[in-house]
Amino acid sequence: MKNFRSLESSPVPLYSQVREILRERILDGSYKSHAQIPSESEMSSIFGVSGITVRQALGDLQKEGVIFKIPGKGTFVSKPKAFQQLTQLEGFGEAMSRMGYEIYNRVISHKTLPASARIAQQLRMVVGTSIVEIKRIRHLNREPVSLEITYLPEAIGARLQKEDLAGRDIFLILENDFGIALGHADLQIDAMLADDTLAQALQVERGTALLRLERLTHAADGTPLDFEYLYFLGHAFQYRLQIARHSGEPNQEQETKMQIIDAMQ
């Protein structure tokens, strides 16, 4: 590891300085995804700090998901997380395809059932009304990244039975094929741990951190159209949102970028 800037004499703890220098080298591409970084002893020599200091710096980066360790082999740079902006309403496949990712959906069920109290409330219908439930596992570059459970009015959901749900977003089908203009969506986001069902669907261990979204999409006329539960793997995906200090001033210096990621890694 060469050409590192020297640590500064400042109130900033040494481990924080080491951490940020390493972060800079990873973000600027000096260390590519899955590249191995020097050992703790090598870093101690390079930075002139103790092994404890280096371990603390690496521990912070590992918690953030920037690096990962393989016992007996060393420490490596993690692959950047895929992300989707929340600045506009669009489907997962639509957003990921635009960024060059390979998308595939495995439909695990498509059935009609009576609306529960929760679903009926969201879709503004009477409890017990027939609705369609669609479950799909979304794959990003051939790896499962999320489980999507979608509820729609029966008339629309039944038509989707004949569509290519393995390769297309429901949003695009509704707009382009069914002629239904989408309006807006209400989102709720939180974090949770995978239970047995989710762990099996996403091929992870029980207790793995997940990002959970509830999304209610409305048609352009305001009619509730599509209610979904989306479960994303926290280590593989993130949502991003750009917000302004003052409304109506999106380009001011006060503009802040917020990454909505699971807090349970």
Protein backbone atom coordinates (compact mmCIF):
# COMPACT_ATOMS: atom_id res chain seq x y z
CA MET A 1 0.00 0.00 0.00
CA LYS A 2 1.85 3.05 -1.26
CA ASN A 3 1.30 6.78 -1.56
CA PHE A 4 -0.90 7.14 1.48
CA ARG A 5 -1.07 10.57 3.01
CA SER A 6 0.39 10.84 6.49
CA LEU A 7 -1.75 10.90 9.59
CA GLU A 8 -2.30 14.36 10.97
CA SER A 9 -1.76 15.72 14.44
CA SER A 10 -5.35 16.62 15.24
CA PRO A 11 -8.15 15.92 17.72
CA VAL A 12 -9.47 13.30 15.29
CA PRO A 13 -8.65 9.83 16.70
CA LEU A 14 -6.01 7.88 14.81
CA TYR A 15 -8.36 5.01 14.00
CA SER A 16 -10.80 7.48 12.40
CA GLN A 17 -8.00 8.90 10.23
CA VAL A 18 -6.93 5.43 9.14
CA ARG A 19 -10.53 4.49 8.40
CA GLU A 20 -11.15 7.56 6.26
CA ILE A 21 -7.90 7.16 4.31
CA LEU A 22 -8.82 3.58 3.52
CA ARG A 23 -12.33 4.65 2.57
CA GLU A 24 -10.93 7.24 0.16
CA ARG A 25 -8.74 4.65 -1.56
CA ILE A 26 -11.71 2.33 -1.96
CA LEU A 27 -14.06 5.03 -3.25
CA ASP A 28 -11.54 6.44 -5.73
CA GLY A 29 -11.00 3.01 -7.23
CA SER A 30 -7.49 2.40 -5.95
CA TYR A 31 -8.90 -0.80 -4.51
CA LYS A 32 -11.48 -2.47 -6.77
CA SER A 33 -14.38 -4.65 -5.71
CA HIS A 34 -13.15 -7.93 -4.19
CA ALA A 35 -9.53 -6.71 -4.16
CA GLN A 36 -7.54 -7.79 -1.11
CA ILE A 37 -6.20 -5.02 1.11
CA PRO A 38 -2.97 -5.27 3.16
CA SER A 39 -2.92 -7.15 6.42
CA GLU A 40 -3.29 -5.49 9.82
CA SER A 41 0.44 -5.81 10.48
CA GLU A 42 1.28 -4.18 7.14
CA MET A 43 -1.09 -1.31 7.85
CA SER A 44 0.34 -0.85 11.31
CA SER A 45 3.78 -0.45 9.73
CA ILE A 46 2.57 1.86 6.96
CA PHE A 47 0.59 4.18 9.23
CA GLY A 48 2.86 3.88 12.26
CA VAL A 49 0.00 2.96 14.55
CA SER A 50 -0.85 0.01 16.77
CA GLY A 51 -2.66 -3.12 15.63
CA ILE A 52 -5.58 -2.16 17.89
CA THR A 53 -5.95 1.12 16.00
CA VAL A 54 -5.97 -0.65 12.63
CA ARG A 55 -8.45 -3.26 13.85
CA GLN A 56 -10.81 -0.56 15.07
CA ALA A 57 -10.63 1.23 11.70
CA LEU A 58 -11.26 -2.01 9.81
CA GLY A 59 -14.05 -2.96 12.19
CA ASP A 60 -15.90 0.26 11.39
CA LEU A 61 -15.56 -0.30 7.64
CA GLN A 62 -16.73 -3.88 7.99
CA LYS A 63 -19.84 -2.81 9.93
CA GLU A 64 -20.63 -0.38 7.11
CA GLY A 65 -20.28 -3.16 4.56
CA VAL A 66 -17.34 -1.47 2.82
CA ILE A 67 -15.05 -4.47 3.40
CA PHE A 68 -15.47 -8.12 4.36
CA LYS A 69 -13.18 -10.73 5.88
CA ILE A 70 -12.56 -14.33 4.87
CA PRO A 71 -11.00 -16.32 7.73
CA GLY A 72 -7.54 -17.52 6.81
CA LYS A 73 -7.41 -15.47 3.62
CA GLY A 74 -7.61 -11.80 4.54
CA THR A 75 -9.72 -8.68 4.12
CA PHE A 76 -11.36 -7.71 0.83
CA VAL A 77 -13.27 -4.79 -0.66
CA SER A 78 -17.02 -5.38 -0.88
CA LYS A 79 -18.97 -5.07 -4.07
CA PRO A 80 -20.92 -1.76 -4.13
CA LYS A 81 -24.57 -2.10 -3.23
CA ALA A 82 -27.16 -1.75 -5.93
CA PHE A 83 -29.44 1.22 -5.23
CA GLN A 84 -32.63 2.83 -6.41
CA GLN A 85 -33.50 6.51 -6.20
CA LEU A 86 -36.77 7.43 -4.50
CA THR A 87 -37.15 10.67 -6.42
CA GLN A 88 -39.64 9.16 -8.86
CA LEU A 89 -42.15 6.34 -9.02
CA GLU A 90 -40.73 3.43 -11.00
CA GLY A 91 -40.46 -0.32 -10.75
CA PHE A 92 -37.41 -2.18 -9.49
CA GLY A 93 -36.62 -3.77 -12.84
CA GLU A 94 -37.12 -0.48 -14.66
CA ALA A 95 -34.60 1.26 -12.40
CA MET A 96 -32.03 -1.55 -12.33
CA SER A 97 -32.11 -2.21 -16.10
CA ARG A 98 -31.35 1.44 -16.76
CA MET A 99 -28.22 1.06 -14.60
CA GLY A 100 -27.05 -1.99 -16.54
CA TYR A 101 -28.06 -4.77 -14.14
CA GLU A 102 -29.45 -8.09 -15.31
CA ILE A 103 -32.96 -8.57 -13.90
CA TYR A 104 -34.99 -11.75 -13.59
CA ASN A 105 -38.16 -12.42 -11.59
CA ARG A 106 -39.28 -15.84 -10.38
CA VAL A 107 -43.04 -15.94 -9.93
CA ILE A 108 -43.74 -18.26 -7.00
CA SER A 109 -47.52 -17.74 -6.79
CA HIS A 110 -50.34 -15.89 -8.55
CA LYS A 111 -53.71 -16.52 -6.95
CA THR A 112 -57.10 -15.08 -6.06
CA LEU A 113 -58.07 -14.79 -2.39
CA PRO A 114 -60.40 -12.75 -0.13
CA ALA A 115 -59.03 -9.39 0.96
CA SER A 116 -57.92 -9.23 4.59
CA ALA A 117 -58.83 -6.22 6.70
CA ARG A 118 -55.39 -4.70 6.08
CA ILE A 119 -55.46 -5.13 2.30
CA ALA A 120 -59.10 -4.04 2.05
CA GLN A 121 -58.29 -0.85 3.91
CA GLN A 122 -55.39 -0.04 1.60
CA LEU A 123 -57.30 -0.75 -1.62
CA ARG A 124 -60.55 0.86 -0.29
CA MET A 125 -62.73 -2.19 -0.66
CA VAL A 126 -64.93 -4.38 1.52
CA VAL A 127 -63.21 -7.06 3.61
CA GLY A 128 -63.50 -10.42 1.85
CA THR A 129 -63.66 -8.95 -1.65
CA SER A 130 -61.77 -11.09 -4.17
CA ILE A 131 -58.28 -9.76 -4.91
CA VAL A 132 -55.18 -11.14 -6.61
CA GLU A 133 -51.94 -11.80 -4.76
CA ILE A 134 -48.69 -12.13 -6.73
CA LYS A 135 -45.44 -13.25 -5.12
CA ARG A 136 -42.16 -12.80 -6.99
CA ILE A 137 -38.52 -13.20 -6.06
CA ARG A 138 -36.50 -10.49 -7.79
CA HIS A 139 -33.03 -11.50 -8.98
CA LEU A 140 -30.24 -9.01 -9.59
CA ASN A 141 -27.39 -10.38 -11.72
CA ARG A 142 -28.82 -13.87 -11.07
CA GLU A 143 -28.76 -13.47 -7.27
CA PRO A 144 -32.00 -13.16 -5.23
CA VAL A 145 -32.24 -9.66 -3.79
CA SER A 146 -35.89 -9.22 -2.79
CA LEU A 147 -39.27 -10.83 -2.28
CA GLU A 148 -42.20 -8.83 -3.61
CA ILE A 149 -45.79 -9.52 -2.56
CA THR A 150 -48.31 -7.55 -4.60
CA TYR A 151 -52.07 -7.17 -4.07
CA LEU A 152 -54.34 -5.86 -6.82
CA PRO A 153 -58.08 -5.65 -7.56
CA GLU A 154 -59.20 -8.92 -9.14
CA ALA A 155 -60.02 -7.40 -12.53
CA ILE A 156 -56.47 -6.15 -12.97
CA GLY A 157 -54.67 -9.02 -11.27
CA ALA A 158 -56.42 -11.61 -13.41
CA ARG A 159 -55.26 -9.86 -16.60
CA LEU A 160 -51.68 -10.02 -15.32
CA GLN A 161 -51.91 -13.82 -15.32
CA LYS A 162 -51.23 -13.75 -19.07
CA GLU A 163 -48.33 -11.27 -18.89
CA ASP A 164 -44.58 -11.80 -18.68
CA LEU A 165 -44.13 -11.16 -14.97
CA ALA A 166 -40.77 -12.95 -15.04
CA GLY A 167 -39.25 -10.33 -17.28
CA ARG A 168 -41.29 -7.16 -16.85
CA ASP A 169 -42.28 -4.73 -14.11
CA ILE A 170 -45.96 -4.61 -13.20
CA PHE A 171 -45.85 -0.80 -13.39
CA LEU A 172 -44.80 -0.90 -17.05
CA ILE A 173 -47.47 -3.47 -17.90
CA LEU A 174 -50.18 -1.37 -16.23
CA GLU A 175 -49.15 1.75 -18.11
CA ASN A 176 -48.02 0.46 -21.50
CA ASP A 177 -50.31 -2.54 -21.97
CA PHE A 178 -53.38 -1.75 -19.88
CA GLY A 179 -53.38 2.02 -20.45
CA ILE A 180 -53.60 2.83 -16.73
CA ALA A 181 -51.80 6.05 -15.88
CA LEU A 182 -49.95 5.89 -12.56
CA GLY A 183 -50.06 8.79 -10.18
CA HIS A 184 -48.16 8.56 -6.90
CA ALA A 185 -47.20 6.07 -4.21
CA ASP A 186 -47.16 6.19 -0.42
CA LEU A 187 -44.12 4.49 1.13
CA GLN A 188 -43.30 3.19 4.59
CA ILE A 189 -39.79 1.87 5.21
CA ASP A 190 -38.38 -0.03 8.17
CA ALA A 191 -35.94 -2.82 9.00
CA MET A 192 -36.55 -6.36 10.17
CA LEU A 193 -34.93 -9.77 10.52
CA ALA A 194 -35.73 -12.60 8.14
CA ASP A 195 -38.05 -15.30 9.48
CA ASP A 196 -37.95 -18.86 8.14
CA THR A 197 -40.19 -18.10 5.16
CA LEU A 198 -38.23 -15.03 4.04
CA ALA A 199 -34.89 -16.72 4.69
CA GLN A 200 -35.86 -19.64 2.49
CA ALA A 201 -37.18 -17.40 -0.30
CA LEU A 202 -34.05 -15.23 -0.36
CA GLN A 203 -31.59 -18.06 0.30
CA VAL A 204 -30.15 -16.53 3.47
CA GLU A 205 -29.97 -17.50 7.13
CA ARG A 206 -32.82 -16.83 9.52
CA GLY A 207 -32.17 -13.50 11.26
CA THR A 208 -30.51 -11.86 8.22
CA ALA A 209 -31.13 -8.09 8.08
CA LEU A 210 -33.84 -7.05 5.63
CA LEU A 211 -35.17 -3.72 4.45
CA ARG A 212 -38.98 -3.78 4.36
CA LEU A 213 -41.17 -1.44 2.34
CA GLU A 214 -44.92 -1.06 2.21
CA ARG A 215 -45.94 0.72 -0.99
CA LEU A 216 -49.44 1.79 -1.97
CA THR A 217 -49.55 2.97 -5.57
CA HIS A 218 -52.40 5.12 -6.86
CA ALA A 219 -53.64 5.66 -10.39
CA ALA A 220 -53.46 9.18 -11.78
CA ASP A 221 -57.04 9.80 -10.64
CA GLY A 222 -56.11 8.90 -7.05
CA THR A 223 -57.66 5.44 -7.00
CA PRO A 224 -55.64 2.86 -4.96
CA LEU A 225 -54.28 0.41 -7.50
CA ASP A 226 -51.46 -1.73 -6.16
CA PHE A 227 -50.43 -2.52 -2.57
CA GLU A 228 -47.09 -4.24 -1.98
CA TYR A 229 -44.80 -5.63 0.67
CA LEU A 230 -41.18 -5.50 -0.53
CA TYR A 231 -38.43 -7.31 1.38
CA PHE A 232 -34.87 -6.45 0.31
CA LEU A 233 -31.57 -7.94 1.48
CA GLY A 234 -29.92 -5.19 3.53
CA HIS A 235 -26.38 -6.20 2.57
CA ALA A 236 -27.13 -6.09 -1.16
CA PHE A 237 -29.44 -3.15 -1.77
CA GLN A 238 -30.20 0.39 -0.67
CA TYR A 239 -32.60 3.20 -1.44
CA ARG A 240 -31.41 6.75 -1.96
CA LEU A 241 -33.27 10.00 -1.63
CA GLN A 242 -32.14 13.57 -2.27
CA ILE A 243 -33.78 16.22 -0.12
CA ALA A 244 -33.43 20.00 -0.02
CA ARG A 245 -33.09 22.26 3.01
CA HIS A 246 -35.88 24.49 1.66
CA SER A 247 -38.74 23.37 -0.54
CA GLY A 248 -38.53 24.69 -4.06
CA GLU A 249 -34.74 25.04 -3.88
CA PRO A 250 -33.39 21.65 -4.99
CA ASN A 251 -30.08 23.05 -6.20
CA GLN A 252 -29.02 25.06 -3.16
CA GLU A 253 -25.82 24.32 -1.23
CA GLN A 254 -27.93 23.06 1.65
CA GLU A 255 -29.00 20.10 -0.47
CA THR A 256 -28.37 16.82 1.31
CA LYS A 257 -28.20 13.29 0.01
CA MET A 258 -29.61 10.63 2.29
CA GLN A 259 -29.10 6.93 1.87
CA ILE A 260 -31.89 4.84 3.37
CA ILE A 261 -30.21 1.60 4.35
CA ASP A 262 -31.03 -1.03 6.93
CA ALA A 263 -29.73 -0.19 10.37
CA MET A 264 -29.48 -3.77 11.39
CA GLN A 265 -26.29 -4.93 9.69
